[in-house]
Amino acid sequence: MSLAVIVQARAASSRIPLKLLESLGERSALLRCMDRCRAIEGAELVIAAVADGPGDDEIAEEATDAGYMVTRGP
């Protein structure tokens, strides 16, 4: 059975803006989450669903640069 995993990601945060880009060891929090999702048995696609608001470009770029598929929207 094939499986697609979608990780919702956005820059907006009232306490820690861009917290997904904070480093957790050698990888960002976003990439650690996506790497773990990729390890799910049967997961063929791991997609970052990134908001299209101000500041979200950095998150989309982080996922794209790591080879993940990205979709943008409100």
PDB file of N, CA and C in Angstrom:
ATOM      1  N   MET A   1       0.843  -1.181   0.000  1.00  0.00           N
ATOM      2  CA  MET A   1       0.000   0.000   0.000  1.00  0.00           C
ATOM      3  C   MET A   1       0.886   1.241   0.000  1.00  0.00           C
ATOM      4  N   SER A   2       0.593   2.171  -0.886  1.00  0.00           N
ATOM      5  CA  SER A   2       1.367   3.409  -0.918  1.00  0.00           C
ATOM      6  C   SER A   2       0.716   4.438  -0.009  1.00  0.00           C
ATOM      7  N   LEU A   3       1.552   5.316   0.513  1.00  0.00           N
ATOM      8  CA  LEU A   3       1.099   6.291   1.492  1.00  0.00           C
ATOM      9  C   LEU A   3       1.766   7.626   1.214  1.00  0.00           C
ATOM     10  N   ALA A   4       0.993   8.693   1.286  1.00  0.00           N
ATOM     11  CA  ALA A   4       1.538  10.049   1.184  1.00  0.00           C
ATOM     12  C   ALA A   4       1.403  10.697   2.553  1.00  0.00           C
ATOM     13  N   VAL A   5       2.470  11.326   3.008  1.00  0.00           N
ATOM     14  CA  VAL A   5       2.473  12.012   4.298  1.00  0.00           C
ATOM     15  C   VAL A   5       2.614  13.502   4.022  1.00  0.00           C
ATOM     16  N   ILE A   6       1.704  14.283   4.591  1.00  0.00           N
ATOM     17  CA  ILE A   6       1.730  15.731   4.401  1.00  0.00           C
ATOM     18  C   ILE A   6       2.045  16.388   5.733  1.00  0.00           C
ATOM     19  N   VAL A   7       3.098  17.205   5.741  1.00  0.00           N
ATOM     20  CA  VAL A   7       3.525  17.922   6.940  1.00  0.00           C
ATOM     21  C   VAL A   7       3.148  19.385   6.764  1.00  0.00           C
ATOM     22  N   GLN A   8       2.263  19.873   7.628  1.00  0.00           N
ATOM     23  CA  GLN A   8       1.852  21.275   7.567  1.00  0.00           C
ATOM     24  C   GLN A   8       2.948  22.131   8.187  1.00  0.00           C
ATOM     25  N   ALA A   9       3.362  23.178   7.475  1.00  0.00           N
ATOM     26  CA  ALA A   9       4.458  24.021   7.954  1.00  0.00           C
ATOM     27  C   ALA A   9       4.163  25.486   7.663  1.00  0.00           C
ATOM     28  N   ARG A  10       4.337  26.325   8.688  1.00  0.00           N
ATOM     29  CA  ARG A  10       4.127  27.765   8.497  1.00  0.00           C
ATOM     30  C   ARG A  10       5.098  28.530   9.380  1.00  0.00           C
ATOM     31  N   ALA A  11       5.394  29.741   8.975  1.00  0.00           N
ATOM     32  CA  ALA A  11       6.364  30.565   9.695  1.00  0.00           C
ATOM     33  C   ALA A  11       5.740  31.285  10.878  1.00  0.00           C
ATOM     34  N   ALA A  12       4.461  31.614  10.785  1.00  0.00           N
ATOM     35  CA  ALA A  12       3.812  32.433  11.814  1.00  0.00           C
ATOM     36  C   ALA A  12       3.762  31.702  13.151  1.00  0.00           C
ATOM     37  N   SER A  13       4.174  32.399  14.181  1.00  0.00           N
ATOM     38  CA  SER A  13       4.111  31.896  15.545  1.00  0.00           C
ATOM     39  C   SER A  13       4.147  33.093  16.474  1.00  0.00           C
ATOM     40  N   SER A  14       3.309  33.082  17.475  1.00  0.00           N
ATOM     41  CA  SER A  14       3.271  34.232  18.386  1.00  0.00           C
ATOM     42  C   SER A  14       4.470  34.262  19.326  1.00  0.00           C
ATOM     43  N   ARG A  15       5.037  33.107  19.655  1.00  0.00           N
ATOM     44  CA  ARG A  15       6.147  33.078  20.607  1.00  0.00           C
ATOM     45  C   ARG A  15       7.514  32.870  19.967  1.00  0.00           C
ATOM     46  N   ILE A  16       7.585  31.982  18.981  1.00  0.00           N
ATOM     47  CA  ILE A  16       8.878  31.684  18.357  1.00  0.00           C
ATOM     48  C   ILE A  16       8.702  31.666  16.838  1.00  0.00           C
ATOM     49  N   PRO A  17       8.790  32.835  16.193  1.00  0.00           N
ATOM     50  CA  PRO A  17       8.662  32.856  14.732  1.00  0.00           C
ATOM     51  C   PRO A  17       9.738  31.986  14.063  1.00  0.00           C
ATOM     52  N   LEU A  18       9.361  31.331  12.996  1.00  0.00           N
ATOM     53  CA  LEU A  18      10.258  30.450  12.223  1.00  0.00           C
ATOM     54  C   LEU A  18      10.852  29.328  13.070  1.00  0.00           C
ATOM     55  N   LYS A  19      10.097  28.854  14.062  1.00  0.00           N
ATOM     56  CA  LYS A  19      10.624  27.811  14.944  1.00  0.00           C
ATOM     57  C   LYS A  19      10.963  26.531  14.184  1.00  0.00           C
ATOM     58  N   LEU A  20      10.313  26.288  13.046  1.00  0.00           N
ATOM     59  CA  LEU A  20      10.617  25.090  12.264  1.00  0.00           C
ATOM     60  C   LEU A  20      12.031  25.104  11.705  1.00  0.00           C
ATOM     61  N   LEU A  21      12.622  26.280  11.603  1.00  0.00           N
ATOM     62  CA  LEU A  21      13.981  26.375  11.074  1.00  0.00           C
ATOM     63  C   LEU A  21      15.035  26.324  12.174  1.00  0.00           C
ATOM     64  N   GLU A  22      14.595  26.254  13.435  1.00  0.00           N
ATOM     65  CA  GLU A  22      15.544  26.144  14.547  1.00  0.00           C
ATOM     66  C   GLU A  22      16.284  24.816  14.436  1.00  0.00           C
ATOM     67  N   SER A  23      17.550  24.846  14.756  1.00  0.00           N
ATOM     68  CA  SER A  23      18.394  23.663  14.646  1.00  0.00           C
ATOM     69  C   SER A  23      18.156  22.709  15.813  1.00  0.00           C
ATOM     70  N   LEU A  24      18.002  21.439  15.473  1.00  0.00           N
ATOM     71  CA  LEU A  24      17.959  20.364  16.464  1.00  0.00           C
ATOM     72  C   LEU A  24      19.099  19.424  16.102  1.00  0.00           C
ATOM     73  N   GLY A  25      20.265  19.712  16.613  1.00  0.00           N
ATOM     74  CA  GLY A  25      21.444  18.971  16.197  1.00  0.00           C
ATOM     75  C   GLY A  25      21.905  19.489  14.852  1.00  0.00           C
ATOM     76  N   GLU A  26      22.055  18.592  13.897  1.00  0.00           N
ATOM     77  CA  GLU A  26      22.562  18.976  12.579  1.00  0.00           C
ATOM     78  C   GLU A  26      21.457  19.341  11.588  1.00  0.00           C
ATOM     79  N   ARG A  27      20.188  19.126  11.950  1.00  0.00           N
ATOM     80  CA  ARG A  27      19.071  19.373  11.029  1.00  0.00           C
ATOM     81  C   ARG A  27      18.070  20.322  11.679  1.00  0.00           C
ATOM     82  N   SER A  28      17.296  20.999  10.851  1.00  0.00           N
ATOM     83  CA  SER A  28      16.240  21.870  11.376  1.00  0.00           C
ATOM     84  C   SER A  28      15.097  21.003  11.910  1.00  0.00           C
ATOM     85  N   ALA A  29      14.247  21.608  12.729  1.00  0.00           N
ATOM     86  CA  ALA A  29      13.083  20.893  13.256  1.00  0.00           C
ATOM     87  C   ALA A  29      12.204  20.387  12.109  1.00  0.00           C
ATOM     88  N   LEU A  30      12.039  21.201  11.072  1.00  0.00           N
ATOM     89  CA  LEU A  30      11.241  20.800   9.912  1.00  0.00           C
ATOM     90  C   LEU A  30      11.815  19.550   9.254  1.00  0.00           C
ATOM     91  N   LEU A  31      13.115  19.561   8.982  1.00  0.00           N
ATOM     92  CA  LEU A  31      13.719  18.424   8.290  1.00  0.00           C
ATOM     93  C   LEU A  31      13.757  17.182   9.165  1.00  0.00           C
ATOM     94  N   ARG A  32      13.932  17.336  10.458  1.00  0.00           N
ATOM     95  CA  ARG A  32      13.871  16.176  11.355  1.00  0.00           C
ATOM     96  C   ARG A  32      12.489  15.530  11.288  1.00  0.00           C
ATOM     97  N   CYS A  33      11.441  16.359  11.308  1.00  0.00           N
ATOM     98  CA  CYS A  33      10.071  15.854  11.219  1.00  0.00           C
ATOM     99  C   CYS A  33       9.852  15.143   9.885  1.00  0.00           C
ATOM    100  N   MET A  34      10.290  15.762   8.809  1.00  0.00           N
ATOM    101  CA  MET A  34      10.087  15.177   7.487  1.00  0.00           C
ATOM    102  C   MET A  34      10.910  13.904   7.308  1.00  0.00           C
ATOM    103  N   ASP A  35      12.117  13.882   7.855  1.00  0.00           N
ATOM    104  CA  ASP A  35      12.939  12.669   7.801  1.00  0.00           C
ATOM    105  C   ASP A  35      12.250  11.514   8.525  1.00  0.00           C
ATOM    106  N   ARG A  36      11.650  11.815   9.681  1.00  0.00           N
ATOM    107  CA  ARG A  36      10.942  10.780  10.439  1.00  0.00           C
ATOM    108  C   ARG A  36       9.728  10.280   9.657  1.00  0.00           C
ATOM    109  N   CYS A  37       9.042  11.181   8.994  1.00  0.00           N
ATOM    110  CA  CYS A  37       7.886  10.788   8.182  1.00  0.00           C
ATOM    111  C   CYS A  37       8.317   9.911   7.014  1.00  0.00           C
ATOM    112  N   ARG A  38       9.460  10.210   6.435  1.00  0.00           N
ATOM    113  CA  ARG A  38       9.989   9.412   5.319  1.00  0.00           C
ATOM    114  C   ARG A  38      10.270   7.977   5.769  1.00  0.00           C
ATOM    115  N   ALA A  39      10.580   7.800   7.050  1.00  0.00           N
ATOM    116  CA  ALA A  39      10.902   6.477   7.587  1.00  0.00           C
ATOM    117  C   ALA A  39       9.658   5.627   7.862  1.00  0.00           C
ATOM    118  N   ILE A  40       8.466   6.196   7.740  1.00  0.00           N
ATOM    119  CA  ILE A  40       7.231   5.444   7.957  1.00  0.00           C
ATOM    120  C   ILE A  40       7.111   4.376   6.875  1.00  0.00           C
ATOM    121  N   GLU A  41       6.844   3.152   7.298  1.00  0.00           N
ATOM    122  CA  GLU A  41       6.720   2.054   6.352  1.00  0.00           C
ATOM    123  C   GLU A  41       5.593   2.339   5.358  1.00  0.00           C
ATOM    124  N   GLY A  42       5.894   2.254   4.092  1.00  0.00           N
ATOM    125  CA  GLY A  42       4.911   2.479   3.039  1.00  0.00           C
ATOM    126  C   GLY A  42       4.819   3.918   2.562  1.00  0.00           C
ATOM    127  N   ALA A  43       5.513   4.830   3.246  1.00  0.00           N
ATOM    128  CA  ALA A  43       5.459   6.243   2.853  1.00  0.00           C
ATOM    129  C   ALA A  43       6.247   6.445   1.564  1.00  0.00           C
ATOM    130  N   GLU A  44       5.547   6.716   0.483  1.00  0.00           N
ATOM    131  CA  GLU A  44       6.205   6.947  -0.799  1.00  0.00           C
ATOM    132  C   GLU A  44       6.432   8.422  -1.057  1.00  0.00           C
ATOM    133  N   LEU A  45       5.563   9.271  -0.528  1.00  0.00           N
ATOM    134  CA  LEU A  45       5.683  10.717  -0.702  1.00  0.00           C
ATOM    135  C   LEU A  45       5.641  11.402   0.655  1.00  0.00           C
ATOM    136  N   VAL A  46       6.549  12.347   0.848  1.00  0.00           N
ATOM    137  CA  VAL A  46       6.503  13.222   2.017  1.00  0.00           C
ATOM    138  C   VAL A  46       6.474  14.639   1.463  1.00  0.00           C
ATOM    139  N   ILE A  47       5.401  15.342   1.756  1.00  0.00           N
ATOM    140  CA  ILE A  47       5.159  16.657   1.168  1.00  0.00           C
ATOM    141  C   ILE A  47       5.041  17.696   2.270  1.00  0.00           C
ATOM    142  N   ALA A  48       5.698  18.836   2.084  1.00  0.00           N
ATOM    143  CA  ALA A  48       5.544  19.960   3.003  1.00  0.00           C
ATOM    144  C   ALA A  48       4.447  20.865   2.458  1.00  0.00           C
ATOM    145  N   ALA A  49       3.381  21.039   3.227  1.00  0.00           N
ATOM    146  CA  ALA A  49       2.305  21.967   2.872  1.00  0.00           C
ATOM    147  C   ALA A  49       2.631  23.284   3.563  1.00  0.00           C
ATOM    148  N   VAL A  50       3.153  24.229   2.793  1.00  0.00           N
ATOM    149  CA  VAL A  50       3.675  25.479   3.341  1.00  0.00           C
ATOM    150  C   VAL A  50       2.720  26.620   3.016  1.00  0.00           C
ATOM    151  N   ALA A  51       2.437  27.432   4.026  1.00  0.00           N
ATOM    152  CA  ALA A  51       1.577  28.598   3.821  1.00  0.00           C
ATOM    153  C   ALA A  51       2.238  29.552   2.827  1.00  0.00           C
ATOM    154  N   ASP A  52       1.439  30.416   2.239  1.00  0.00           N
ATOM    155  CA  ASP A  52       1.998  31.362   1.271  1.00  0.00           C
ATOM    156  C   ASP A  52       2.095  32.772   1.845  1.00  0.00           C
ATOM    157  N   GLY A  53       2.165  32.868   3.150  1.00  0.00           N
ATOM    158  CA  GLY A  53       2.273  34.176   3.805  1.00  0.00           C
ATOM    159  C   GLY A  53       3.698  34.689   3.841  1.00  0.00           C
ATOM    160  N   PRO A  54       3.856  35.912   4.374  1.00  0.00           N
ATOM    161  CA  PRO A  54       5.193  36.499   4.480  1.00  0.00           C
ATOM    162  C   PRO A  54       6.074  35.652   5.400  1.00  0.00           C
ATOM    163  N   GLY A  55       7.278  35.405   4.991  1.00  0.00           N
ATOM    164  CA  GLY A  55       8.212  34.627   5.794  1.00  0.00           C
ATOM    165  C   GLY A  55       8.194  33.139   5.521  1.00  0.00           C
ATOM    166  N   ASP A  56       7.177  32.655   4.823  1.00  0.00           N
ATOM    167  CA  ASP A  56       7.083  31.219   4.574  1.00  0.00           C
ATOM    168  C   ASP A  56       8.007  30.738   3.460  1.00  0.00           C
ATOM    169  N   ASP A  57       8.565  31.662   2.694  1.00  0.00           N
ATOM    170  CA  ASP A  57       9.485  31.276   1.621  1.00  0.00           C
ATOM    171  C   ASP A  57      10.694  30.521   2.168  1.00  0.00           C
ATOM    172  N   GLU A  58      11.189  30.925   3.326  1.00  0.00           N
ATOM    173  CA  GLU A  58      12.353  30.257   3.922  1.00  0.00           C
ATOM    174  C   GLU A  58      12.046  28.803   4.255  1.00  0.00           C
ATOM    175  N   ILE A  59      10.845  28.548   4.725  1.00  0.00           N
ATOM    176  CA  ILE A  59      10.452  27.182   5.066  1.00  0.00           C
ATOM    177  C   ILE A  59      10.342  26.337   3.800  1.00  0.00           C
ATOM    178  N   ALA A  60       9.719  26.887   2.766  1.00  0.00           N
ATOM    179  CA  ALA A  60       9.599  26.165   1.497  1.00  0.00           C
ATOM    180  C   ALA A  60      10.977  25.869   0.914  1.00  0.00           C
ATOM    181  N   GLU A  61      11.874  26.828   0.995  1.00  0.00           N
ATOM    182  CA  GLU A  61      13.233  26.647   0.470  1.00  0.00           C
ATOM    183  C   GLU A  61      13.988  25.564   1.243  1.00  0.00           C
ATOM    184  N   GLU A  62      13.829  25.539   2.552  1.00  0.00           N
ATOM    185  CA  GLU A  62      14.491  24.524   3.388  1.00  0.00           C
ATOM    186  C   GLU A  62      14.073  23.118   2.954  1.00  0.00           C
ATOM    187  N   ALA A  63      12.772  22.915   2.768  1.00  0.00           N
ATOM    188  CA  ALA A  63      12.269  21.602   2.367  1.00  0.00           C
ATOM    189  C   ALA A  63      12.698  21.252   0.941  1.00  0.00           C
ATOM    190  N   THR A  64      12.606  22.209   0.035  1.00  0.00           N
ATOM    191  CA  THR A  64      12.988  21.982  -1.360  1.00  0.00           C
ATOM    192  C   THR A  64      14.472  21.650  -1.476  1.00  0.00           C
ATOM    193  N   ASP A  65      15.306  22.399  -0.776  1.00  0.00           N
ATOM    194  CA  ASP A  65      16.752  22.163  -0.822  1.00  0.00           C
ATOM    195  C   ASP A  65      17.120  20.774  -0.304  1.00  0.00           C
ATOM    196  N   ALA A  66      16.297  20.223   0.583  1.00  0.00           N
ATOM    197  CA  ALA A  66      16.553  18.888   1.126  1.00  0.00           C
ATOM    198  C   ALA A  66      15.951  17.791   0.248  1.00  0.00           C
ATOM    199  N   GLY A  67      15.302  18.185  -0.855  1.00  0.00           N
ATOM    200  CA  GLY A  67      14.771  17.210  -1.790  1.00  0.00           C
ATOM    201  C   GLY A  67      13.323  16.812  -1.559  1.00  0.00           C
ATOM    202  N   TYR A  68      12.634  17.520  -0.694  1.00  0.00           N
ATOM    203  CA  TYR A  68      11.234  17.215  -0.435  1.00  0.00           C
ATOM    204  C   TYR A  68      10.320  17.994  -1.372  1.00  0.00           C
ATOM    205  N   MET A  69       9.162  17.431  -1.646  1.00  0.00           N
ATOM    206  CA  MET A  69       8.150  18.095  -2.448  1.00  0.00           C
ATOM    207  C   MET A  69       7.455  19.138  -1.575  1.00  0.00           C
ATOM    208  N   VAL A  70       7.132  20.278  -2.169  1.00  0.00           N
ATOM    209  CA  VAL A  70       6.480  21.368  -1.442  1.00  0.00           C
ATOM    210  C   VAL A  70       5.252  21.821  -2.215  1.00  0.00           C
ATOM    211  N   THR A  71       4.175  22.066  -1.495  1.00  0.00           N
ATOM    212  CA  THR A  71       2.994  22.695  -2.072  1.00  0.00           C
ATOM    213  C   THR A  71       2.702  23.943  -1.251  1.00  0.00           C
ATOM    214  N   ARG A  72       2.240  24.997  -1.906  1.00  0.00           N
ATOM    215  CA  ARG A  72       1.989  26.285  -1.233  1.00  0.00           C
ATOM    216  C   ARG A  72       0.520  26.643  -1.332  1.00  0.00           C
ATOM    217  N   GLY A  73       0.019  27.319  -0.310  1.00  0.00           N
ATOM    218  CA  GLY A  73      -1.360  27.784  -0.328  1.00  0.00           C
ATOM    219  C   GLY A  73      -1.716  28.500   0.956  1.00  0.00           C
ATOM    220  N   PRO A  74      -2.936  29.021   1.021  1.00  0.00           N
ATOM    221  CA  PRO A  74      -3.369  29.767   2.213  1.00  0.00           C
ATOM    222  C   PRO A  74      -3.610  28.861   3.408  1.00  0.00           C
TER     223      PRO A  74
END
